[in-house]
């Protein structure tokens, strides 16, 4: 992944690993414990929106609409986690997902600005989520993701990259860190509740201390590695102790041998001091490794009857695949279930397209095989960007 001043999400999720992190719902606020039914309620994928590192890789509406259709009809998902920053990008993508009959986990993650701006960004996104709900869409709102990295002041550092370095170096006070994290998530929950009356969640790192009484859904970014499925189940049960539905808000790995064993550090294989950047060591590309890990975890999640699981992530445009050039195959550091192919490799303004990896096909087989589990209430509403809607199912 890229070690720039604007660190990528894969860098975010890995930082906690570096410092030691290894149901049916009623009305909002009345979540019931997991385990009363088997099989996931929602099966999906994370779709990140953002400016991109170059104009060619930034969000655009035409590409987004095609991607969301692929999530629905090729990946056979029933859920999409729309995450990133920019209210216009987030809301347009959420509207398209609802139009396609997908359940939406809407998760704004604006970072590196004052907390008040992050909360206003959340409020604007939450107001739109409320409008979608009133028009019949199936929407959950997440107040954020691993806020200790996105929100200045919880961990020392003016930028996300500086905060990652401080976490990895141990140059922070863990007691102050947890207190500030709880304070911010409480403010975020109050902000979201003021504009949204649906189910509220948050995507936490595995060792975060969160006051889950503020939320209807427990959300965990899960990157553990065990050889035995029973060990995954044992670890996951500790997130059920609050008696609330558990959503796996991220899970996955990279496409090379040994990547799952890195427990979230699979991205850290790029030498950013080289120009162009190079893959460190002699990694052996293995899309099967990525697909097998995702499939194994899905079977665990299904067996526990969890609320949702959303694979990280659909596409990573800024980590292109270069077949035949393993030293510069940045896709090896990507968690995406698709590979990005540039028309002119190495040119920042090059056009590109994505192709499915084995992990994409593994997800598609799994999701298609469980399509019969979907219930009419889970499909949401068809909705166009101009506000028209009509219930489906």
Protein backbone atom coordinates (compact mmCIF):
# COMPACT_ATOMS: atom_id res chain seq x y z
CA UNK A 1 0.00 0.00 0.00
CA UNK A 2 1.02 3.59 -0.41
CA UNK A 3 3.07 5.34 2.27
CA UNK A 4 2.10 8.85 1.36
CA UNK A 5 0.83 11.68 3.54
CA UNK A 6 -2.65 10.33 2.77
CA UNK A 7 -2.28 6.79 4.08
CA UNK A 8 -4.57 4.17 2.62
CA UNK A 9 -7.24 2.18 4.47
CA UNK A 10 -5.09 -0.92 4.37
CA UNK A 11 -2.49 1.01 6.30
CA UNK A 12 -5.14 2.06 8.79
CA UNK A 13 -6.33 -1.46 9.48
CA UNK A 14 -2.79 -2.77 9.79
CA UNK A 15 -1.66 -0.29 12.42
CA UNK A 16 -3.64 -1.95 15.19
CA UNK A 17 -2.21 -5.32 14.22
CA UNK A 18 1.22 -3.76 14.48
CA UNK A 19 0.63 -2.74 18.09
CA UNK A 20 -0.77 -6.06 19.24
CA UNK A 21 -4.31 -6.54 17.96
CA UNK A 22 -4.36 -9.83 16.75
CA UNK A 23 -29.08 -12.13 14.87
CA UNK A 24 -32.06 -10.70 14.10
CA UNK A 25 -32.86 -7.04 14.68
CA UNK A 26 -36.06 -5.51 15.92
CA UNK A 27 -36.65 -1.75 15.75
CA UNK A 28 -33.63 0.51 16.18
CA UNK A 29 -32.26 0.27 19.71
CA UNK A 30 -33.80 -3.19 20.32
CA UNK A 31 -31.17 -5.54 18.95
CA UNK A 32 -31.39 -9.18 19.97
CA UNK A 33 -28.51 -11.54 20.63
CA UNK A 34 -26.93 -13.58 17.86
CA UNK A 35 -27.32 -17.30 17.53
CA UNK A 36 -31.10 -17.65 17.13
CA UNK A 37 -30.64 -18.39 13.45
CA UNK A 38 -27.80 -19.72 11.36
CA UNK A 39 -26.40 -18.07 8.28
CA UNK A 40 -25.45 -14.47 7.70
CA UNK A 41 -28.25 -11.95 7.36
CA UNK A 42 -26.22 -9.68 5.05
CA UNK A 43 -23.39 -10.69 2.71
CA UNK A 44 -21.44 -7.92 1.08
CA UNK A 45 -18.30 -6.08 0.10
CA UNK A 46 -16.64 -2.78 1.02
CA UNK A 47 -16.75 -0.10 -1.68
CA UNK A 48 -14.44 2.84 -0.96
CA UNK A 49 -15.10 6.28 -2.41
CA UNK A 50 -12.49 9.01 -2.44
CA UNK A 51 -10.46 11.44 -4.48
CA UNK A 52 -7.87 8.84 -5.48
CA UNK A 53 -4.15 9.43 -5.66
CA UNK A 54 -4.36 10.57 -9.29
CA UNK A 55 -7.21 12.04 -11.34
CA UNK A 56 -7.48 8.72 -13.17
CA UNK A 57 -8.12 6.72 -10.00
CA UNK A 58 -10.54 9.11 -8.29
CA UNK A 59 -14.25 8.48 -7.90
CA UNK A 60 -16.50 9.11 -10.86
CA UNK A 61 -20.21 8.50 -11.17
CA UNK A 62 -20.15 6.44 -14.37
CA UNK A 63 -17.60 3.96 -13.05
CA UNK A 64 -19.34 3.79 -9.68
CA UNK A 65 -22.69 2.87 -11.23
CA UNK A 66 -21.09 0.08 -13.24
CA UNK A 67 -19.28 -1.20 -10.15
CA UNK A 68 -22.42 -1.26 -8.01
CA UNK A 69 -24.25 -3.19 -10.73
CA UNK A 70 -21.37 -5.68 -10.71
CA UNK A 71 -21.61 -6.00 -6.92
CA UNK A 72 -25.29 -6.85 -7.26
CA UNK A 73 -25.34 -9.01 -10.39
CA UNK A 74 -21.84 -10.50 -10.74
CA UNK A 75 -20.75 -10.77 -7.12
CA UNK A 76 -24.31 -11.66 -6.03
CA UNK A 77 -23.89 -9.61 -2.86
CA UNK A 78 -26.95 -8.27 -1.08
CA UNK A 79 -25.03 -5.59 0.84
CA UNK A 80 -22.46 -2.90 0.13
CA UNK A 81 -20.43 -0.99 2.69
CA UNK A 82 -20.18 2.50 1.17
CA UNK A 83 -17.24 4.11 2.92
CA UNK A 84 -14.89 7.01 2.40
CA UNK A 85 -15.22 10.78 2.39
CA UNK A 86 -17.07 13.44 0.46
CA UNK A 87 -20.79 13.71 1.15
CA UNK A 88 -21.63 13.90 -2.56
CA UNK A 89 -19.63 10.76 -3.35
CA UNK A 90 -21.04 8.86 -0.40
CA UNK A 91 -24.66 9.78 -1.03
CA UNK A 92 -24.57 9.20 -4.78
CA UNK A 93 -23.05 5.75 -4.23
CA UNK A 94 -25.53 4.88 -1.49
CA UNK A 95 -28.42 5.97 -3.70
CA UNK A 96 -27.20 3.77 -6.53
CA UNK A 97 -26.81 0.81 -4.18
CA UNK A 98 -30.38 1.29 -2.95
CA UNK A 99 -31.55 1.57 -6.55
CA UNK A 100 -29.97 -1.83 -7.20
CA UNK A 101 -31.87 -3.33 -4.25
CA UNK A 102 -28.81 -3.64 -2.01
CA UNK A 103 -28.75 -3.23 1.73
CA UNK A 104 -26.50 -0.24 2.50
CA UNK A 105 -24.00 0.07 5.34
CA UNK A 106 -23.21 3.78 5.00
CA UNK A 107 -19.96 4.72 6.70
CA UNK A 108 -18.39 8.19 6.31
CA UNK A 109 -14.67 8.30 7.16
CA UNK A 110 -13.49 11.85 6.70
CA UNK A 111 -10.05 12.28 8.28
CA UNK A 112 -7.24 14.69 9.07
CA UNK A 113 -9.57 17.63 9.77
CA UNK A 114 -10.91 18.98 13.09
CA UNK A 115 -13.37 16.74 14.94
CA UNK A 116 -16.20 19.26 14.49
CA UNK A 117 -15.80 18.99 10.70
CA UNK A 118 -15.81 15.19 10.88
CA UNK A 119 -19.02 15.28 12.93
CA UNK A 120 -20.70 17.68 10.51
CA UNK A 121 -19.68 15.41 7.63
CA UNK A 122 -21.27 12.53 9.57
CA UNK A 123 -24.44 14.55 10.19
CA UNK A 124 -24.83 15.44 6.50
CA UNK A 125 -24.36 11.83 5.49
CA UNK A 126 -26.75 10.68 8.22
CA UNK A 127 -29.48 13.04 7.01
CA UNK A 128 -29.26 11.45 3.59
CA UNK A 129 -29.36 7.97 5.12
CA UNK A 130 -32.56 8.99 6.90
CA UNK A 131 -34.11 10.13 3.61
CA UNK A 132 -33.23 6.79 2.04
CA UNK A 133 -34.88 4.98 4.96
CA UNK A 134 -38.05 7.02 4.64
CA UNK A 135 -38.20 6.07 0.97
CA UNK A 136 -38.05 2.39 1.88
CA UNK A 137 -34.37 1.55 1.49
CA UNK A 138 -32.60 -0.83 3.88
CA UNK A 139 -29.85 1.28 5.46
CA UNK A 140 -27.59 1.03 8.50
CA UNK A 141 -25.46 4.04 9.45
CA UNK A 142 -21.96 3.63 10.86
CA UNK A 143 -20.51 6.61 12.71
CA UNK A 144 -17.03 5.79 11.43
CA UNK A 145 -14.20 3.33 11.26
CA UNK A 146 -11.25 3.04 13.66
CA UNK A 147 -11.59 6.68 14.62
CA UNK A 148 -8.26 6.73 16.45
CA UNK A 149 -6.59 6.97 13.03
CA UNK A 150 -8.99 9.27 11.24
CA UNK A 151 -9.67 11.80 13.99
CA UNK A 152 -6.83 14.10 15.09
CA UNK A 153 -6.23 14.26 18.82
CA UNK A 154 -6.95 10.68 19.84
CA UNK A 155 -3.43 9.53 18.94
CA UNK A 156 -0.58 12.07 18.59
CA UNK A 157 0.08 13.22 15.03
CA UNK A 158 -1.21 15.85 12.63
CA UNK A 159 -1.86 13.35 9.83
CA UNK A 160 -3.01 9.76 9.65
CA UNK A 161 0.48 8.68 8.62
CA UNK A 162 2.00 10.33 11.68
CA UNK A 163 -0.57 8.67 13.91
CA UNK A 164 0.24 5.27 12.38
CA UNK A 165 3.93 5.83 13.08
CA UNK A 166 3.25 6.86 16.67
CA UNK A 167 1.14 3.75 17.23
CA UNK A 168 3.79 1.49 15.74
CA UNK A 169 6.55 3.21 17.73
CA UNK A 170 4.58 3.13 20.96
CA UNK A 171 4.80 6.91 21.33
CA UNK A 172 1.34 7.39 22.77
CA UNK A 173 -0.41 7.00 26.12
CA UNK A 174 -2.78 3.99 25.91
CA UNK A 175 -4.97 5.24 28.77
CA UNK A 176 -5.40 8.68 27.18
CA UNK A 177 -5.91 6.99 23.82
CA UNK A 178 -8.83 4.86 25.03
CA UNK A 179 -10.42 7.75 26.94
CA UNK A 180 -10.32 10.05 23.92
CA UNK A 181 -11.58 7.30 21.62
CA UNK A 182 -14.59 6.69 23.89
CA UNK A 183 -15.27 10.42 24.12
CA UNK A 184 -15.26 10.84 20.35
CA UNK A 185 -17.38 7.77 19.59
CA UNK A 186 -19.93 9.00 22.14
CA UNK A 187 -20.08 12.40 20.40
CA UNK A 188 -20.38 10.65 17.03
CA UNK A 189 -23.22 8.44 18.30
CA UNK A 190 -25.11 11.49 19.62
CA UNK A 191 -24.62 13.30 16.32
CA UNK A 192 -25.87 10.34 14.30
CA UNK A 193 -28.88 9.72 16.57
CA UNK A 194 -29.94 13.35 16.12
CA UNK A 195 -30.43 12.87 12.37
CA UNK A 196 -30.99 9.12 11.86
CA UNK A 197 -33.50 6.82 13.55
CA UNK A 198 -32.37 3.53 12.00
CA UNK A 199 -29.81 1.00 13.17
CA UNK A 200 -26.54 2.58 14.26
CA UNK A 201 -23.12 0.94 14.21
CA UNK A 202 -19.39 1.58 14.30
CA UNK A 203 -16.44 -0.29 12.78
CA UNK A 204 -13.86 -0.92 15.49
CA UNK A 205 -10.44 -2.48 15.45
CA UNK A 206 -10.34 -5.78 17.28
CA UNK A 207 -8.88 -4.47 20.54
CA UNK A 208 -10.70 -1.13 20.69
CA UNK A 209 -12.62 -0.42 23.89
CA UNK A 210 -16.01 0.84 22.70
CA UNK A 211 -19.14 1.63 24.68
CA UNK A 212 -21.41 -0.62 22.63
CA UNK A 213 -24.46 0.47 24.64
CA UNK A 214 -24.47 3.51 22.31
CA UNK A 215 -24.99 1.34 19.22
CA UNK A 216 -27.44 -1.19 17.84
CA UNK A 217 -24.80 -3.20 15.97
CA UNK A 218 -21.28 -4.21 17.04
CA UNK A 219 -18.91 -3.75 14.08
CA UNK A 220 -15.45 -5.33 13.97
CA UNK A 221 -12.71 -5.16 11.34
CA UNK A 222 -11.50 -8.76 11.52
CA UNK A 223 -8.09 -9.86 10.23
CA UNK A 224 -7.08 -12.74 12.50
CA UNK A 225 -5.44 -15.92 11.29
CA UNK A 226 -5.99 -19.36 12.79
CA UNK A 227 -5.58 -22.76 11.23
CA UNK A 228 -8.73 -24.09 12.91
CA UNK A 229 -12.20 -22.59 12.34
CA UNK A 230 -13.00 -23.32 15.99
CA UNK A 231 -10.34 -20.81 17.05
CA UNK A 232 -11.97 -18.09 14.95
CA UNK A 233 -15.32 -18.87 16.54
CA UNK A 234 -13.81 -18.70 20.02
CA UNK A 235 -12.30 -15.30 19.32
CA UNK A 236 -15.45 -13.92 17.70
CA UNK A 237 -17.68 -14.97 20.59
CA UNK A 238 -16.12 -12.29 22.78
CA UNK A 239 -17.77 -9.68 20.55
CA UNK A 240 -21.18 -11.23 21.25
CA UNK A 241 -21.07 -10.61 24.98
CA UNK A 242 -23.02 -7.35 24.60
CA UNK A 243 -26.03 -9.30 23.31
CA UNK A 244 -26.10 -7.34 20.06
CA UNK A 245 -25.80 -8.33 16.40
CA UNK A 246 -22.22 -8.59 15.18
CA UNK A 247 -21.21 -7.22 11.78
CA UNK A 248 -17.81 -8.08 10.34
CA UNK A 249 -17.20 -4.69 8.77
CA UNK A 250 -13.96 -5.73 7.07
CA UNK A 251 -12.21 -9.04 6.44
CA UNK A 252 -9.81 -10.35 3.84
CA UNK A 253 -6.16 -10.64 2.88
CA UNK A 254 -3.75 -10.13 -0.01
CA UNK A 255 -3.03 -12.44 -2.94
CA UNK A 256 0.35 -13.97 -2.12
CA UNK A 257 1.58 -16.98 -0.19
CA UNK A 258 1.71 -16.26 3.53
CA UNK A 259 -0.48 -13.16 3.42
CA UNK A 260 -3.20 -14.46 5.81
CA UNK A 261 -0.57 -15.17 8.47
CA UNK A 262 0.33 -11.46 8.60
CA UNK A 263 -2.97 -10.81 10.46
CA UNK A 264 -3.58 -7.45 8.83
CA UNK A 265 -0.03 -6.52 7.85
CA UNK A 266 -0.22 -8.00 4.35
CA UNK A 267 -0.11 -4.52 2.81
CA UNK A 268 3.36 -3.82 4.25
CA UNK A 269 5.39 -5.30 1.40
CA UNK A 270 6.13 -2.18 -0.68
CA UNK A 271 9.44 -0.29 -0.71
CA UNK A 272 8.22 3.29 -1.00
CA UNK A 273 11.75 4.69 -1.15
CA UNK A 274 12.19 3.28 -4.65
CA UNK A 275 11.00 5.12 -7.76
CA UNK A 276 8.97 3.44 -9.02
CA UNK A 277 7.89 1.67 -5.85
CA UNK A 278 8.87 -1.98 -5.57
CA UNK A 279 7.59 -5.08 -3.85
CA UNK A 280 10.02 -6.13 -1.12
CA UNK A 281 11.40 -9.64 -1.01
CA UNK A 282 10.39 -12.44 -3.33
CA UNK A 283 6.68 -12.88 -2.86
CA UNK A 284 4.85 -15.64 -4.69
CA UNK A 285 1.56 -14.42 -6.11
CA UNK A 286 -1.31 -16.67 -5.09
CA UNK A 287 -4.85 -15.58 -5.76
CA UNK A 288 -5.94 -18.97 -4.45
CA UNK A 289 -4.51 -18.07 -1.03
CA UNK A 290 -6.69 -14.97 -0.87
CA UNK A 291 -9.78 -16.81 -2.08
CA UNK A 292 -9.34 -19.72 0.32
CA UNK A 293 -8.91 -17.42 3.33
CA UNK A 294 -12.04 -15.45 2.46
CA UNK A 295 -14.04 -18.63 1.89
CA UNK A 296 -12.92 -20.14 5.19
CA UNK A 297 -13.90 -17.04 7.15
CA UNK A 298 -17.27 -16.82 5.44
CA UNK A 299 -18.01 -20.37 6.52
CA UNK A 300 -17.16 -19.40 10.10
CA UNK A 301 -19.39 -16.31 9.96
CA UNK A 302 -22.25 -18.31 8.46
CA UNK A 303 -21.95 -20.99 11.13
CA UNK A 304 -22.30 -18.35 13.86
CA UNK A 305 -25.32 -16.66 12.32
CA UNK A 306 -23.72 -13.20 12.37
CA UNK A 307 -25.56 -10.10 11.23
CA UNK A 308 -23.27 -9.18 8.32
CA UNK A 309 -19.89 -9.77 6.70
CA UNK A 310 -18.36 -7.34 4.21
CA UNK A 311 -15.17 -8.33 2.41
CA UNK A 312 -12.47 -5.69 2.11
CA UNK A 313 -12.59 -4.51 -0.63
CA UNK A 314 -14.09 -4.40 -4.14
CA UNK A 315 -11.32 -2.51 -5.97
CA UNK A 316 -8.09 -0.64 -5.14
CA UNK A 317 -7.32 1.52 -8.21
CA UNK A 318 -4.06 2.90 -6.79
CA UNK A 319 -2.47 -0.57 -6.50
CA UNK A 320 -2.29 -1.78 -10.14
CA UNK A 321 -1.47 -5.33 -11.17
CA UNK A 322 1.48 -5.69 -13.54
CA UNK A 323 1.53 -9.23 -14.94
CA UNK A 324 5.02 -10.39 -15.77
CA UNK A 325 6.59 -7.70 -13.56
CA UNK A 326 6.46 -9.07 -10.00
CA UNK A 327 8.79 -6.39 -8.62
CA UNK A 328 6.22 -3.72 -9.49
CA UNK A 329 3.00 -5.69 -9.05
CA UNK A 330 1.49 -3.40 -6.41
CA UNK A 331 -1.69 -5.48 -6.46
CA UNK A 332 0.22 -7.90 -4.22
CA UNK A 333 -0.23 -5.29 -1.47
CA UNK A 334 -3.95 -4.90 -2.16
CA UNK A 335 -6.86 -6.53 -0.33
CA UNK A 336 -9.16 -6.01 -3.31
CA UNK A 337 -11.04 -8.95 -4.80
CA UNK A 338 -10.39 -7.47 -8.24
CA UNK A 339 -7.11 -6.58 -9.93
CA UNK A 340 -6.58 -3.14 -11.45
CA UNK A 341 -5.13 -3.20 -14.99
CA UNK A 342 -3.68 0.01 -16.40
CA UNK A 343 -3.73 0.66 -20.13
CA UNK A 344 -0.28 2.26 -19.83
CA UNK A 345 1.47 0.71 -16.83
CA UNK A 346 3.36 3.23 -14.74
CA UNK A 347 1.63 6.32 -16.15
CA UNK A 348 -0.35 8.12 -13.42
CA UNK A 349 -2.96 9.38 -15.89
CA UNK A 350 -3.46 6.00 -17.53
CA UNK A 351 -6.96 4.65 -17.93
CA UNK A 352 -7.68 1.36 -16.23
CA UNK A 353 -10.21 -1.38 -15.70
CA UNK A 354 -10.65 -4.14 -13.16
CA UNK A 355 -10.72 -7.89 -13.58
CA UNK A 356 -12.02 -10.44 -11.05
CA UNK A 357 -9.53 -12.36 -8.93
CA UNK A 358 -10.12 -15.84 -7.60
CA UNK A 359 -11.39 -14.19 -4.41
CA UNK A 360 -14.11 -12.46 -6.44
CA UNK A 361 -15.24 -15.80 -7.84
CA UNK A 362 -15.10 -17.39 -4.37
CA UNK A 363 -17.34 -14.63 -2.99
CA UNK A 364 -19.69 -14.87 -5.96
CA UNK A 365 -20.10 -18.63 -5.55
CA UNK A 366 -20.74 -18.29 -1.84
CA UNK A 367 -23.14 -15.38 -2.14
CA UNK A 368 -25.05 -16.90 -5.05
CA UNK A 369 -25.34 -20.16 -3.12
CA UNK A 370 -27.03 -18.34 -0.24
CA UNK A 371 -29.30 -16.16 -2.35
CA UNK A 372 -32.32 -18.16 -1.14
CA UNK A 373 -31.61 -16.91 2.39
CA UNK A 374 -32.48 -13.35 1.38
CA UNK A 375 -35.81 -12.10 2.64
CA UNK A 376 -37.92 -9.42 1.03
CA UNK A 377 -37.30 -6.94 3.84
CA UNK A 378 -33.55 -7.18 3.29
CA UNK A 379 -33.61 -5.91 -0.29
CA UNK A 380 -34.37 -2.31 0.45
CA UNK A 381 -35.94 -0.01 -2.09
CA UNK A 382 -35.20 1.01 -5.62
CA UNK A 383 -34.32 4.65 -5.65
CA UNK A 384 -33.01 7.15 -8.17
CA UNK A 385 -30.74 10.04 -7.40
CA UNK A 386 -33.58 12.54 -7.87
CA UNK A 387 -35.43 11.04 -4.91
CA UNK A 388 -37.95 8.72 -6.58
CA UNK A 389 -38.38 5.37 -4.96
CA UNK A 390 -40.44 2.23 -5.05
CA UNK A 391 -40.28 -0.73 -2.72
CA UNK A 392 -38.98 -3.96 -4.14
CA UNK A 393 -39.58 -7.50 -3.02
